[in-house]
PDBML (XML) file of the C-alpha atoms, coordinates in Angstrom:
<?xml version="1.0" encoding="UTF-8" ?>
<PDBx:datablock datablockName="MODEL"
   xmlns:PDBx="http://pdbml.pdb.org/schema/pdbx-v50.xsd"
   xmlns:xsi="http://www.w3.org/2001/XMLSchema-instance"
   xsi:schemaLocation="http://pdbml.pdb.org/schema/pdbx-v50.xsd pdbx-v50.xsd">
   <PDBx:atom_siteCategory>
      <PDBx:atom_site id="1">
         <PDBx:B_iso_or_equiv>0.00</PDBx:B_iso_or_equiv>
         <PDBx:Cartn_x>9.191</PDBx:Cartn_x>
         <PDBx:Cartn_y>-8.935</PDBx:Cartn_y>
         <PDBx:Cartn_z>0.779</PDBx:Cartn_z>
         <PDBx:auth_asym_id>A</PDBx:auth_asym_id>
         <PDBx:auth_atom_id>CA</PDBx:auth_atom_id>
         <PDBx:auth_comp_id>HIS</PDBx:auth_comp_id>
         <PDBx:auth_seq_id>1</PDBx:auth_seq_id>
         <PDBx:group_PDB>ATOM</PDBx:group_PDB>
         <PDBx:label_alt_id xsi:nil="true" />
         <PDBx:label_asym_id>A</PDBx:label_asym_id>
         <PDBx:label_atom_id>CA</PDBx:label_atom_id>
         <PDBx:label_comp_id>HIS</PDBx:label_comp_id>
         <PDBx:label_entity_id>1</PDBx:label_entity_id>
         <PDBx:label_seq_id>1</PDBx:label_seq_id>
         <PDBx:occupancy>1.00</PDBx:occupancy>
         <PDBx:pdbx_PDB_model_num>1</PDBx:pdbx_PDB_model_num>
         <PDBx:type_symbol>C</PDBx:type_symbol>
      </PDBx:atom_site>
      <PDBx:atom_site id="2">
         <PDBx:B_iso_or_equiv>0.00</PDBx:B_iso_or_equiv>
         <PDBx:Cartn_x>12.162</PDBx:Cartn_x>
         <PDBx:Cartn_y>-10.550</PDBx:Cartn_y>
         <PDBx:Cartn_z>1.808</PDBx:Cartn_z>
         <PDBx:auth_asym_id>A</PDBx:auth_asym_id>
         <PDBx:auth_atom_id>CA</PDBx:auth_atom_id>
         <PDBx:auth_comp_id>ASN</PDBx:auth_comp_id>
         <PDBx:auth_seq_id>2</PDBx:auth_seq_id>
         <PDBx:group_PDB>ATOM</PDBx:group_PDB>
         <PDBx:label_alt_id xsi:nil="true" />
         <PDBx:label_asym_id>A</PDBx:label_asym_id>
         <PDBx:label_atom_id>CA</PDBx:label_atom_id>
         <PDBx:label_comp_id>ASN</PDBx:label_comp_id>
         <PDBx:label_entity_id>1</PDBx:label_entity_id>
         <PDBx:label_seq_id>2</PDBx:label_seq_id>
         <PDBx:occupancy>1.00</PDBx:occupancy>
         <PDBx:pdbx_PDB_model_num>1</PDBx:pdbx_PDB_model_num>
         <PDBx:type_symbol>C</PDBx:type_symbol>
      </PDBx:atom_site>
      <PDBx:atom_site id="3">
         <PDBx:B_iso_or_equiv>0.00</PDBx:B_iso_or_equiv>
         <PDBx:Cartn_x>13.906</PDBx:Cartn_x>
         <PDBx:Cartn_y>-8.391</PDBx:Cartn_y>
         <PDBx:Cartn_z>2.674</PDBx:Cartn_z>
         <PDBx:auth_asym_id>A</PDBx:auth_asym_id>
         <PDBx:auth_atom_id>CA</PDBx:auth_atom_id>
         <PDBx:auth_comp_id>PRO</PDBx:auth_comp_id>
         <PDBx:auth_seq_id>3</PDBx:auth_seq_id>
         <PDBx:group_PDB>ATOM</PDBx:group_PDB>
         <PDBx:label_alt_id xsi:nil="true" />
         <PDBx:label_asym_id>A</PDBx:label_asym_id>
         <PDBx:label_atom_id>CA</PDBx:label_atom_id>
         <PDBx:label_comp_id>PRO</PDBx:label_comp_id>
         <PDBx:label_entity_id>1</PDBx:label_entity_id>
         <PDBx:label_seq_id>3</PDBx:label_seq_id>
         <PDBx:occupancy>1.00</PDBx:occupancy>
         <PDBx:pdbx_PDB_model_num>1</PDBx:pdbx_PDB_model_num>
         <PDBx:type_symbol>C</PDBx:type_symbol>
      </PDBx:atom_site>
      <PDBx:atom_site id="4">
         <PDBx:B_iso_or_equiv>0.00</PDBx:B_iso_or_equiv>
         <PDBx:Cartn_x>11.543</PDBx:Cartn_x>
         <PDBx:Cartn_y>-6.023</PDBx:Cartn_y>
         <PDBx:Cartn_z>3.103</PDBx:Cartn_z>
         <PDBx:auth_asym_id>A</PDBx:auth_asym_id>
         <PDBx:auth_atom_id>CA</PDBx:auth_atom_id>
         <PDBx:auth_comp_id>SER</PDBx:auth_comp_id>
         <PDBx:auth_seq_id>4</PDBx:auth_seq_id>
         <PDBx:group_PDB>ATOM</PDBx:group_PDB>
         <PDBx:label_alt_id xsi:nil="true" />
         <PDBx:label_asym_id>A</PDBx:label_asym_id>
         <PDBx:label_atom_id>CA</PDBx:label_atom_id>
         <PDBx:label_comp_id>SER</PDBx:label_comp_id>
         <PDBx:label_entity_id>1</PDBx:label_entity_id>
         <PDBx:label_seq_id>4</PDBx:label_seq_id>
         <PDBx:occupancy>1.00</PDBx:occupancy>
         <PDBx:pdbx_PDB_model_num>1</PDBx:pdbx_PDB_model_num>
         <PDBx:type_symbol>C</PDBx:type_symbol>
      </PDBx:atom_site>
      <PDBx:atom_site id="5">
         <PDBx:B_iso_or_equiv>0.00</PDBx:B_iso_or_equiv>
         <PDBx:Cartn_x>11.733</PDBx:Cartn_x>
         <PDBx:Cartn_y>-3.305</PDBx:Cartn_y>
         <PDBx:Cartn_z>-0.213</PDBx:Cartn_z>
         <PDBx:auth_asym_id>A</PDBx:auth_asym_id>
         <PDBx:auth_atom_id>CA</PDBx:auth_atom_id>
         <PDBx:auth_comp_id>ARG</PDBx:auth_comp_id>
         <PDBx:auth_seq_id>5</PDBx:auth_seq_id>
         <PDBx:group_PDB>ATOM</PDBx:group_PDB>
         <PDBx:label_alt_id xsi:nil="true" />
         <PDBx:label_asym_id>A</PDBx:label_asym_id>
         <PDBx:label_atom_id>CA</PDBx:label_atom_id>
         <PDBx:label_comp_id>ARG</PDBx:label_comp_id>
         <PDBx:label_entity_id>1</PDBx:label_entity_id>
         <PDBx:label_seq_id>5</PDBx:label_seq_id>
         <PDBx:occupancy>1.00</PDBx:occupancy>
         <PDBx:pdbx_PDB_model_num>1</PDBx:pdbx_PDB_model_num>
         <PDBx:type_symbol>C</PDBx:type_symbol>
      </PDBx:atom_site>
      <PDBx:atom_site id="6">
         <PDBx:B_iso_or_equiv>0.00</PDBx:B_iso_or_equiv>
         <PDBx:Cartn_x>15.267</PDBx:Cartn_x>
         <PDBx:Cartn_y>-3.016</PDBx:Cartn_y>
         <PDBx:Cartn_z>-0.188</PDBx:Cartn_z>
         <PDBx:auth_asym_id>A</PDBx:auth_asym_id>
         <PDBx:auth_atom_id>CA</PDBx:auth_atom_id>
         <PDBx:auth_comp_id>PRO</PDBx:auth_comp_id>
         <PDBx:auth_seq_id>6</PDBx:auth_seq_id>
         <PDBx:group_PDB>ATOM</PDBx:group_PDB>
         <PDBx:label_alt_id xsi:nil="true" />
         <PDBx:label_asym_id>A</PDBx:label_asym_id>
         <PDBx:label_atom_id>CA</PDBx:label_atom_id>
         <PDBx:label_comp_id>PRO</PDBx:label_comp_id>
         <PDBx:label_entity_id>1</PDBx:label_entity_id>
         <PDBx:label_seq_id>6</PDBx:label_seq_id>
         <PDBx:occupancy>1.00</PDBx:occupancy>
         <PDBx:pdbx_PDB_model_num>1</PDBx:pdbx_PDB_model_num>
         <PDBx:type_symbol>C</PDBx:type_symbol>
      </PDBx:atom_site>
      <PDBx:atom_site id="7">
         <PDBx:B_iso_or_equiv>0.00</PDBx:B_iso_or_equiv>
         <PDBx:Cartn_x>16.823</PDBx:Cartn_x>
         <PDBx:Cartn_y>-0.208</PDBx:Cartn_y>
         <PDBx:Cartn_z>-1.977</PDBx:Cartn_z>
         <PDBx:auth_asym_id>A</PDBx:auth_asym_id>
         <PDBx:auth_atom_id>CA</PDBx:auth_atom_id>
         <PDBx:auth_comp_id>TRP</PDBx:auth_comp_id>
         <PDBx:auth_seq_id>7</PDBx:auth_seq_id>
         <PDBx:group_PDB>ATOM</PDBx:group_PDB>
         <PDBx:label_alt_id xsi:nil="true" />
         <PDBx:label_asym_id>A</PDBx:label_asym_id>
         <PDBx:label_atom_id>CA</PDBx:label_atom_id>
         <PDBx:label_comp_id>TRP</PDBx:label_comp_id>
         <PDBx:label_entity_id>1</PDBx:label_entity_id>
         <PDBx:label_seq_id>7</PDBx:label_seq_id>
         <PDBx:occupancy>1.00</PDBx:occupancy>
         <PDBx:pdbx_PDB_model_num>1</PDBx:pdbx_PDB_model_num>
         <PDBx:type_symbol>C</PDBx:type_symbol>
      </PDBx:atom_site>
      <PDBx:atom_site id="8">
         <PDBx:B_iso_or_equiv>0.00</PDBx:B_iso_or_equiv>
         <PDBx:Cartn_x>17.761</PDBx:Cartn_x>
         <PDBx:Cartn_y>-2.906</PDBx:Cartn_y>
         <PDBx:Cartn_z>-4.749</PDBx:Cartn_z>
         <PDBx:auth_asym_id>A</PDBx:auth_asym_id>
         <PDBx:auth_atom_id>CA</PDBx:auth_atom_id>
         <PDBx:auth_comp_id>TRP</PDBx:auth_comp_id>
         <PDBx:auth_seq_id>8</PDBx:auth_seq_id>
         <PDBx:group_PDB>ATOM</PDBx:group_PDB>
         <PDBx:label_alt_id xsi:nil="true" />
         <PDBx:label_asym_id>A</PDBx:label_asym_id>
         <PDBx:label_atom_id>CA</PDBx:label_atom_id>
         <PDBx:label_comp_id>TRP</PDBx:label_comp_id>
         <PDBx:label_entity_id>1</PDBx:label_entity_id>
         <PDBx:label_seq_id>8</PDBx:label_seq_id>
         <PDBx:occupancy>1.00</PDBx:occupancy>
         <PDBx:pdbx_PDB_model_num>1</PDBx:pdbx_PDB_model_num>
         <PDBx:type_symbol>C</PDBx:type_symbol>
      </PDBx:atom_site>
      <PDBx:atom_site id="9">
         <PDBx:B_iso_or_equiv>0.00</PDBx:B_iso_or_equiv>
         <PDBx:Cartn_x>14.772</PDBx:Cartn_x>
         <PDBx:Cartn_y>-3.428</PDBx:Cartn_y>
         <PDBx:Cartn_z>-6.009</PDBx:Cartn_z>
         <PDBx:auth_asym_id>A</PDBx:auth_asym_id>
         <PDBx:auth_atom_id>CA</PDBx:auth_atom_id>
         <PDBx:auth_comp_id>GLU</PDBx:auth_comp_id>
         <PDBx:auth_seq_id>9</PDBx:auth_seq_id>
         <PDBx:group_PDB>ATOM</PDBx:group_PDB>
         <PDBx:label_alt_id xsi:nil="true" />
         <PDBx:label_asym_id>A</PDBx:label_asym_id>
         <PDBx:label_atom_id>CA</PDBx:label_atom_id>
         <PDBx:label_comp_id>GLU</PDBx:label_comp_id>
         <PDBx:label_entity_id>1</PDBx:label_entity_id>
         <PDBx:label_seq_id>9</PDBx:label_seq_id>
         <PDBx:occupancy>1.00</PDBx:occupancy>
         <PDBx:pdbx_PDB_model_num>1</PDBx:pdbx_PDB_model_num>
         <PDBx:type_symbol>C</PDBx:type_symbol>
      </PDBx:atom_site>
      <PDBx:atom_site id="10">
         <PDBx:B_iso_or_equiv>0.00</PDBx:B_iso_or_equiv>
         <PDBx:Cartn_x>14.561</PDBx:Cartn_x>
         <PDBx:Cartn_y>0.074</PDBx:Cartn_y>
         <PDBx:Cartn_z>-8.413</PDBx:Cartn_z>
         <PDBx:auth_asym_id>A</PDBx:auth_asym_id>
         <PDBx:auth_atom_id>CA</PDBx:auth_atom_id>
         <PDBx:auth_comp_id>ARG</PDBx:auth_comp_id>
         <PDBx:auth_seq_id>10</PDBx:auth_seq_id>
         <PDBx:group_PDB>ATOM</PDBx:group_PDB>
         <PDBx:label_alt_id xsi:nil="true" />
         <PDBx:label_asym_id>A</PDBx:label_asym_id>
         <PDBx:label_atom_id>CA</PDBx:label_atom_id>
         <PDBx:label_comp_id>ARG</PDBx:label_comp_id>
         <PDBx:label_entity_id>1</PDBx:label_entity_id>
         <PDBx:label_seq_id>10</PDBx:label_seq_id>
         <PDBx:occupancy>1.00</PDBx:occupancy>
         <PDBx:pdbx_PDB_model_num>1</PDBx:pdbx_PDB_model_num>
         <PDBx:type_symbol>C</PDBx:type_symbol>
      </PDBx:atom_site>
      <PDBx:atom_site id="11">
         <PDBx:B_iso_or_equiv>0.00</PDBx:B_iso_or_equiv>
         <PDBx:Cartn_x>17.363</PDBx:Cartn_x>
         <PDBx:Cartn_y>-2.068</PDBx:Cartn_y>
         <PDBx:Cartn_z>-10.078</PDBx:Cartn_z>
         <PDBx:auth_asym_id>A</PDBx:auth_asym_id>
         <PDBx:auth_atom_id>CA</PDBx:auth_atom_id>
         <PDBx:auth_comp_id>TYR</PDBx:auth_comp_id>
         <PDBx:auth_seq_id>11</PDBx:auth_seq_id>
         <PDBx:group_PDB>ATOM</PDBx:group_PDB>
         <PDBx:label_alt_id xsi:nil="true" />
         <PDBx:label_asym_id>A</PDBx:label_asym_id>
         <PDBx:label_atom_id>CA</PDBx:label_atom_id>
         <PDBx:label_comp_id>TYR</PDBx:label_comp_id>
         <PDBx:label_entity_id>1</PDBx:label_entity_id>
         <PDBx:label_seq_id>11</PDBx:label_seq_id>
         <PDBx:occupancy>1.00</PDBx:occupancy>
         <PDBx:pdbx_PDB_model_num>1</PDBx:pdbx_PDB_model_num>
         <PDBx:type_symbol>C</PDBx:type_symbol>
      </PDBx:atom_site>
      <PDBx:atom_site id="12">
         <PDBx:B_iso_or_equiv>0.00</PDBx:B_iso_or_equiv>
         <PDBx:Cartn_x>15.171</PDBx:Cartn_x>
         <PDBx:Cartn_y>-5.393</PDBx:Cartn_y>
         <PDBx:Cartn_z>-11.120</PDBx:Cartn_z>
         <PDBx:auth_asym_id>A</PDBx:auth_asym_id>
         <PDBx:auth_atom_id>CA</PDBx:auth_atom_id>
         <PDBx:auth_comp_id>GLN</PDBx:auth_comp_id>
         <PDBx:auth_seq_id>12</PDBx:auth_seq_id>
         <PDBx:group_PDB>ATOM</PDBx:group_PDB>
         <PDBx:label_alt_id xsi:nil="true" />
         <PDBx:label_asym_id>A</PDBx:label_asym_id>
         <PDBx:label_atom_id>CA</PDBx:label_atom_id>
         <PDBx:label_comp_id>GLN</PDBx:label_comp_id>
         <PDBx:label_entity_id>1</PDBx:label_entity_id>
         <PDBx:label_seq_id>12</PDBx:label_seq_id>
         <PDBx:occupancy>1.00</PDBx:occupancy>
         <PDBx:pdbx_PDB_model_num>1</PDBx:pdbx_PDB_model_num>
         <PDBx:type_symbol>C</PDBx:type_symbol>
      </PDBx:atom_site>
      <PDBx:atom_site id="13">
         <PDBx:B_iso_or_equiv>0.00</PDBx:B_iso_or_equiv>
         <PDBx:Cartn_x>12.796</PDBx:Cartn_x>
         <PDBx:Cartn_y>-3.694</PDBx:Cartn_y>
         <PDBx:Cartn_z>-13.935</PDBx:Cartn_z>
         <PDBx:auth_asym_id>A</PDBx:auth_asym_id>
         <PDBx:auth_atom_id>CA</PDBx:auth_atom_id>
         <PDBx:auth_comp_id>PRO</PDBx:auth_comp_id>
         <PDBx:auth_seq_id>13</PDBx:auth_seq_id>
         <PDBx:group_PDB>ATOM</PDBx:group_PDB>
         <PDBx:label_alt_id xsi:nil="true" />
         <PDBx:label_asym_id>A</PDBx:label_asym_id>
         <PDBx:label_atom_id>CA</PDBx:label_atom_id>
         <PDBx:label_comp_id>PRO</PDBx:label_comp_id>
         <PDBx:label_entity_id>1</PDBx:label_entity_id>
         <PDBx:label_seq_id>13</PDBx:label_seq_id>
         <PDBx:occupancy>1.00</PDBx:occupancy>
         <PDBx:pdbx_PDB_model_num>1</PDBx:pdbx_PDB_model_num>
         <PDBx:type_symbol>C</PDBx:type_symbol>
      </PDBx:atom_site>
      <PDBx:atom_site id="14">
         <PDBx:B_iso_or_equiv>0.00</PDBx:B_iso_or_equiv>
         <PDBx:Cartn_x>9.280</PDBx:Cartn_x>
         <PDBx:Cartn_y>-5.568</PDBx:Cartn_y>
         <PDBx:Cartn_z>-14.779</PDBx:Cartn_z>
         <PDBx:auth_asym_id>A</PDBx:auth_asym_id>
         <PDBx:auth_atom_id>CA</PDBx:auth_atom_id>
         <PDBx:auth_comp_id>ILE</PDBx:auth_comp_id>
         <PDBx:auth_seq_id>14</PDBx:auth_seq_id>
         <PDBx:group_PDB>ATOM</PDBx:group_PDB>
         <PDBx:label_alt_id xsi:nil="true" />
         <PDBx:label_asym_id>A</PDBx:label_asym_id>
         <PDBx:label_atom_id>CA</PDBx:label_atom_id>
         <PDBx:label_comp_id>ILE</PDBx:label_comp_id>
         <PDBx:label_entity_id>1</PDBx:label_entity_id>
         <PDBx:label_seq_id>14</PDBx:label_seq_id>
         <PDBx:occupancy>1.00</PDBx:occupancy>
         <PDBx:pdbx_PDB_model_num>1</PDBx:pdbx_PDB_model_num>
         <PDBx:type_symbol>C</PDBx:type_symbol>
      </PDBx:atom_site>
      <PDBx:atom_site id="15">
         <PDBx:B_iso_or_equiv>0.00</PDBx:B_iso_or_equiv>
         <PDBx:Cartn_x>8.162</PDBx:Cartn_x>
         <PDBx:Cartn_y>-3.240</PDBx:Cartn_y>
         <PDBx:Cartn_z>-17.406</PDBx:Cartn_z>
         <PDBx:auth_asym_id>A</PDBx:auth_asym_id>
         <PDBx:auth_atom_id>CA</PDBx:auth_atom_id>
         <PDBx:auth_comp_id>SER</PDBx:auth_comp_id>
         <PDBx:auth_seq_id>15</PDBx:auth_seq_id>
         <PDBx:group_PDB>ATOM</PDBx:group_PDB>
         <PDBx:label_alt_id xsi:nil="true" />
         <PDBx:label_asym_id>A</PDBx:label_asym_id>
         <PDBx:label_atom_id>CA</PDBx:label_atom_id>
         <PDBx:label_comp_id>SER</PDBx:label_comp_id>
         <PDBx:label_entity_id>1</PDBx:label_entity_id>
         <PDBx:label_seq_id>15</PDBx:label_seq_id>
         <PDBx:occupancy>1.00</PDBx:occupancy>
         <PDBx:pdbx_PDB_model_num>1</PDBx:pdbx_PDB_model_num>
         <PDBx:type_symbol>C</PDBx:type_symbol>
      </PDBx:atom_site>
      <PDBx:atom_site id="16">
         <PDBx:B_iso_or_equiv>0.00</PDBx:B_iso_or_equiv>
         <PDBx:Cartn_x>8.841</PDBx:Cartn_x>
         <PDBx:Cartn_y>0.692</PDBx:Cartn_y>
         <PDBx:Cartn_z>-19.076</PDBx:Cartn_z>
         <PDBx:auth_asym_id>A</PDBx:auth_asym_id>
         <PDBx:auth_atom_id>CA</PDBx:auth_atom_id>
         <PDBx:auth_comp_id>TYR</PDBx:auth_comp_id>
         <PDBx:auth_seq_id>16</PDBx:auth_seq_id>
         <PDBx:group_PDB>ATOM</PDBx:group_PDB>
         <PDBx:label_alt_id xsi:nil="true" />
         <PDBx:label_asym_id>A</PDBx:label_asym_id>
         <PDBx:label_atom_id>CA</PDBx:label_atom_id>
         <PDBx:label_comp_id>TYR</PDBx:label_comp_id>
         <PDBx:label_entity_id>1</PDBx:label_entity_id>
         <PDBx:label_seq_id>16</PDBx:label_seq_id>
         <PDBx:occupancy>1.00</PDBx:occupancy>
         <PDBx:pdbx_PDB_model_num>1</PDBx:pdbx_PDB_model_num>
         <PDBx:type_symbol>C</PDBx:type_symbol>
      </PDBx:atom_site>
      <PDBx:atom_site id="17">
         <PDBx:B_iso_or_equiv>0.00</PDBx:B_iso_or_equiv>
         <PDBx:Cartn_x>5.704</PDBx:Cartn_x>
         <PDBx:Cartn_y>1.797</PDBx:Cartn_y>
         <PDBx:Cartn_z>-17.250</PDBx:Cartn_z>
         <PDBx:auth_asym_id>A</PDBx:auth_asym_id>
         <PDBx:auth_atom_id>CA</PDBx:auth_atom_id>
         <PDBx:auth_comp_id>LYS</PDBx:auth_comp_id>
         <PDBx:auth_seq_id>17</PDBx:auth_seq_id>
         <PDBx:group_PDB>ATOM</PDBx:group_PDB>
         <PDBx:label_alt_id xsi:nil="true" />
         <PDBx:label_asym_id>A</PDBx:label_asym_id>
         <PDBx:label_atom_id>CA</PDBx:label_atom_id>
         <PDBx:label_comp_id>LYS</PDBx:label_comp_id>
         <PDBx:label_entity_id>1</PDBx:label_entity_id>
         <PDBx:label_seq_id>17</PDBx:label_seq_id>
         <PDBx:occupancy>1.00</PDBx:occupancy>
         <PDBx:pdbx_PDB_model_num>1</PDBx:pdbx_PDB_model_num>
         <PDBx:type_symbol>C</PDBx:type_symbol>
      </PDBx:atom_site>
      <PDBx:atom_site id="18">
         <PDBx:B_iso_or_equiv>0.00</PDBx:B_iso_or_equiv>
         <PDBx:Cartn_x>6.456</PDBx:Cartn_x>
         <PDBx:Cartn_y>5.053</PDBx:Cartn_y>
         <PDBx:Cartn_z>-15.144</PDBx:Cartn_z>
         <PDBx:auth_asym_id>A</PDBx:auth_asym_id>
         <PDBx:auth_atom_id>CA</PDBx:auth_atom_id>
         <PDBx:auth_comp_id>LEU</PDBx:auth_comp_id>
         <PDBx:auth_seq_id>18</PDBx:auth_seq_id>
         <PDBx:group_PDB>ATOM</PDBx:group_PDB>
         <PDBx:label_alt_id xsi:nil="true" />
         <PDBx:label_asym_id>A</PDBx:label_asym_id>
         <PDBx:label_atom_id>CA</PDBx:label_atom_id>
         <PDBx:label_comp_id>LEU</PDBx:label_comp_id>
         <PDBx:label_entity_id>1</PDBx:label_entity_id>
         <PDBx:label_seq_id>18</PDBx:label_seq_id>
         <PDBx:occupancy>1.00</PDBx:occupancy>
         <PDBx:pdbx_PDB_model_num>1</PDBx:pdbx_PDB_model_num>
         <PDBx:type_symbol>C</PDBx:type_symbol>
      </PDBx:atom_site>
      <PDBx:atom_site id="19">
         <PDBx:B_iso_or_equiv>0.00</PDBx:B_iso_or_equiv>
         <PDBx:Cartn_x>5.071</PDBx:Cartn_x>
         <PDBx:Cartn_y>3.911</PDBx:Cartn_y>
         <PDBx:Cartn_z>-11.480</PDBx:Cartn_z>
         <PDBx:auth_asym_id>A</PDBx:auth_asym_id>
         <PDBx:auth_atom_id>CA</PDBx:auth_atom_id>
         <PDBx:auth_comp_id>CYS</PDBx:auth_comp_id>
         <PDBx:auth_seq_id>19</PDBx:auth_seq_id>
         <PDBx:group_PDB>ATOM</PDBx:group_PDB>
         <PDBx:label_alt_id xsi:nil="true" />
         <PDBx:label_asym_id>A</PDBx:label_asym_id>
         <PDBx:label_atom_id>CA</PDBx:label_atom_id>
         <PDBx:label_comp_id>CYS</PDBx:label_comp_id>
         <PDBx:label_entity_id>1</PDBx:label_entity_id>
         <PDBx:label_seq_id>19</PDBx:label_seq_id>
         <PDBx:occupancy>1.00</PDBx:occupancy>
         <PDBx:pdbx_PDB_model_num>1</PDBx:pdbx_PDB_model_num>
         <PDBx:type_symbol>C</PDBx:type_symbol>
      </PDBx:atom_site>
      <PDBx:atom_site id="20">
         <PDBx:B_iso_or_equiv>0.00</PDBx:B_iso_or_equiv>
         <PDBx:Cartn_x>7.201</PDBx:Cartn_x>
         <PDBx:Cartn_y>2.477</PDBx:Cartn_y>
         <PDBx:Cartn_z>-8.578</PDBx:Cartn_z>
         <PDBx:auth_asym_id>A</PDBx:auth_asym_id>
         <PDBx:auth_atom_id>CA</PDBx:auth_atom_id>
         <PDBx:auth_comp_id>THR</PDBx:auth_comp_id>
         <PDBx:auth_seq_id>20</PDBx:auth_seq_id>
         <PDBx:group_PDB>ATOM</PDBx:group_PDB>
         <PDBx:label_alt_id xsi:nil="true" />
         <PDBx:label_asym_id>A</PDBx:label_asym_id>
         <PDBx:label_atom_id>CA</PDBx:label_atom_id>
         <PDBx:label_comp_id>THR</PDBx:label_comp_id>
         <PDBx:label_entity_id>1</PDBx:label_entity_id>
         <PDBx:label_seq_id>20</PDBx:label_seq_id>
         <PDBx:occupancy>1.00</PDBx:occupancy>
         <PDBx:pdbx_PDB_model_num>1</PDBx:pdbx_PDB_model_num>
         <PDBx:type_symbol>C</PDBx:type_symbol>
      </PDBx:atom_site>
      <PDBx:atom_site id="21">
         <PDBx:B_iso_or_equiv>0.00</PDBx:B_iso_or_equiv>
         <PDBx:Cartn_x>7.492</PDBx:Cartn_x>
         <PDBx:Cartn_y>3.367</PDBx:Cartn_y>
         <PDBx:Cartn_z>-4.658</PDBx:Cartn_z>
         <PDBx:auth_asym_id>A</PDBx:auth_asym_id>
         <PDBx:auth_atom_id>CA</PDBx:auth_atom_id>
         <PDBx:auth_comp_id>ARG</PDBx:auth_comp_id>
         <PDBx:auth_seq_id>21</PDBx:auth_seq_id>
         <PDBx:group_PDB>ATOM</PDBx:group_PDB>
         <PDBx:label_alt_id xsi:nil="true" />
         <PDBx:label_asym_id>A</PDBx:label_asym_id>
         <PDBx:label_atom_id>CA</PDBx:label_atom_id>
         <PDBx:label_comp_id>ARG</PDBx:label_comp_id>
         <PDBx:label_entity_id>1</PDBx:label_entity_id>
         <PDBx:label_seq_id>21</PDBx:label_seq_id>
         <PDBx:occupancy>1.00</PDBx:occupancy>
         <PDBx:pdbx_PDB_model_num>1</PDBx:pdbx_PDB_model_num>
         <PDBx:type_symbol>C</PDBx:type_symbol>
      </PDBx:atom_site>
      <PDBx:atom_site id="22">
         <PDBx:B_iso_or_equiv>0.00</PDBx:B_iso_or_equiv>
         <PDBx:Cartn_x>8.111</PDBx:Cartn_x>
         <PDBx:Cartn_y>7.385</PDBx:Cartn_y>
         <PDBx:Cartn_z>-5.750</PDBx:Cartn_z>
         <PDBx:auth_asym_id>A</PDBx:auth_asym_id>
         <PDBx:auth_atom_id>CA</PDBx:auth_atom_id>
         <PDBx:auth_comp_id>SER</PDBx:auth_comp_id>
         <PDBx:auth_seq_id>22</PDBx:auth_seq_id>
         <PDBx:group_PDB>ATOM</PDBx:group_PDB>
         <PDBx:label_alt_id xsi:nil="true" />
         <PDBx:label_asym_id>A</PDBx:label_asym_id>
         <PDBx:label_atom_id>CA</PDBx:label_atom_id>
         <PDBx:label_comp_id>SER</PDBx:label_comp_id>
         <PDBx:label_entity_id>1</PDBx:label_entity_id>
         <PDBx:label_seq_id>22</PDBx:label_seq_id>
         <PDBx:occupancy>1.00</PDBx:occupancy>
         <PDBx:pdbx_PDB_model_num>1</PDBx:pdbx_PDB_model_num>
         <PDBx:type_symbol>C</PDBx:type_symbol>
      </PDBx:atom_site>
      <PDBx:atom_site id="23">
         <PDBx:B_iso_or_equiv>0.00</PDBx:B_iso_or_equiv>
         <PDBx:Cartn_x>5.411</PDBx:Cartn_x>
         <PDBx:Cartn_y>7.751</PDBx:Cartn_y>
         <PDBx:Cartn_z>-7.690</PDBx:Cartn_z>
         <PDBx:auth_asym_id>A</PDBx:auth_asym_id>
         <PDBx:auth_atom_id>CA</PDBx:auth_atom_id>
         <PDBx:auth_comp_id>GLY</PDBx:auth_comp_id>
         <PDBx:auth_seq_id>23</PDBx:auth_seq_id>
         <PDBx:group_PDB>ATOM</PDBx:group_PDB>
         <PDBx:label_alt_id xsi:nil="true" />
         <PDBx:label_asym_id>A</PDBx:label_asym_id>
         <PDBx:label_atom_id>CA</PDBx:label_atom_id>
         <PDBx:label_comp_id>GLY</PDBx:label_comp_id>
         <PDBx:label_entity_id>1</PDBx:label_entity_id>
         <PDBx:label_seq_id>23</PDBx:label_seq_id>
         <PDBx:occupancy>1.00</PDBx:occupancy>
         <PDBx:pdbx_PDB_model_num>1</PDBx:pdbx_PDB_model_num>
         <PDBx:type_symbol>C</PDBx:type_symbol>
      </PDBx:atom_site>
      <PDBx:atom_site id="24">
         <PDBx:B_iso_or_equiv>0.00</PDBx:B_iso_or_equiv>
         <PDBx:Cartn_x>3.143</PDBx:Cartn_x>
         <PDBx:Cartn_y>6.997</PDBx:Cartn_y>
         <PDBx:Cartn_z>-10.992</PDBx:Cartn_z>
         <PDBx:auth_asym_id>A</PDBx:auth_asym_id>
         <PDBx:auth_atom_id>CA</PDBx:auth_atom_id>
         <PDBx:auth_comp_id>ASN</PDBx:auth_comp_id>
         <PDBx:auth_seq_id>24</PDBx:auth_seq_id>
         <PDBx:group_PDB>ATOM</PDBx:group_PDB>
         <PDBx:label_alt_id xsi:nil="true" />
         <PDBx:label_asym_id>A</PDBx:label_asym_id>
         <PDBx:label_atom_id>CA</PDBx:label_atom_id>
         <PDBx:label_comp_id>ASN</PDBx:label_comp_id>
         <PDBx:label_entity_id>1</PDBx:label_entity_id>
         <PDBx:label_seq_id>24</PDBx:label_seq_id>
         <PDBx:occupancy>1.00</PDBx:occupancy>
         <PDBx:pdbx_PDB_model_num>1</PDBx:pdbx_PDB_model_num>
         <PDBx:type_symbol>C</PDBx:type_symbol>
      </PDBx:atom_site>
   </PDBx:atom_siteCategory>
</PDBx:datablock>
């Protein structure tokens, strides 16, 4: 959130579940 939802958050994995801001 700081900065607000940068594009590069997609390159910081938490798990291998398939769910992102693009969909589930």
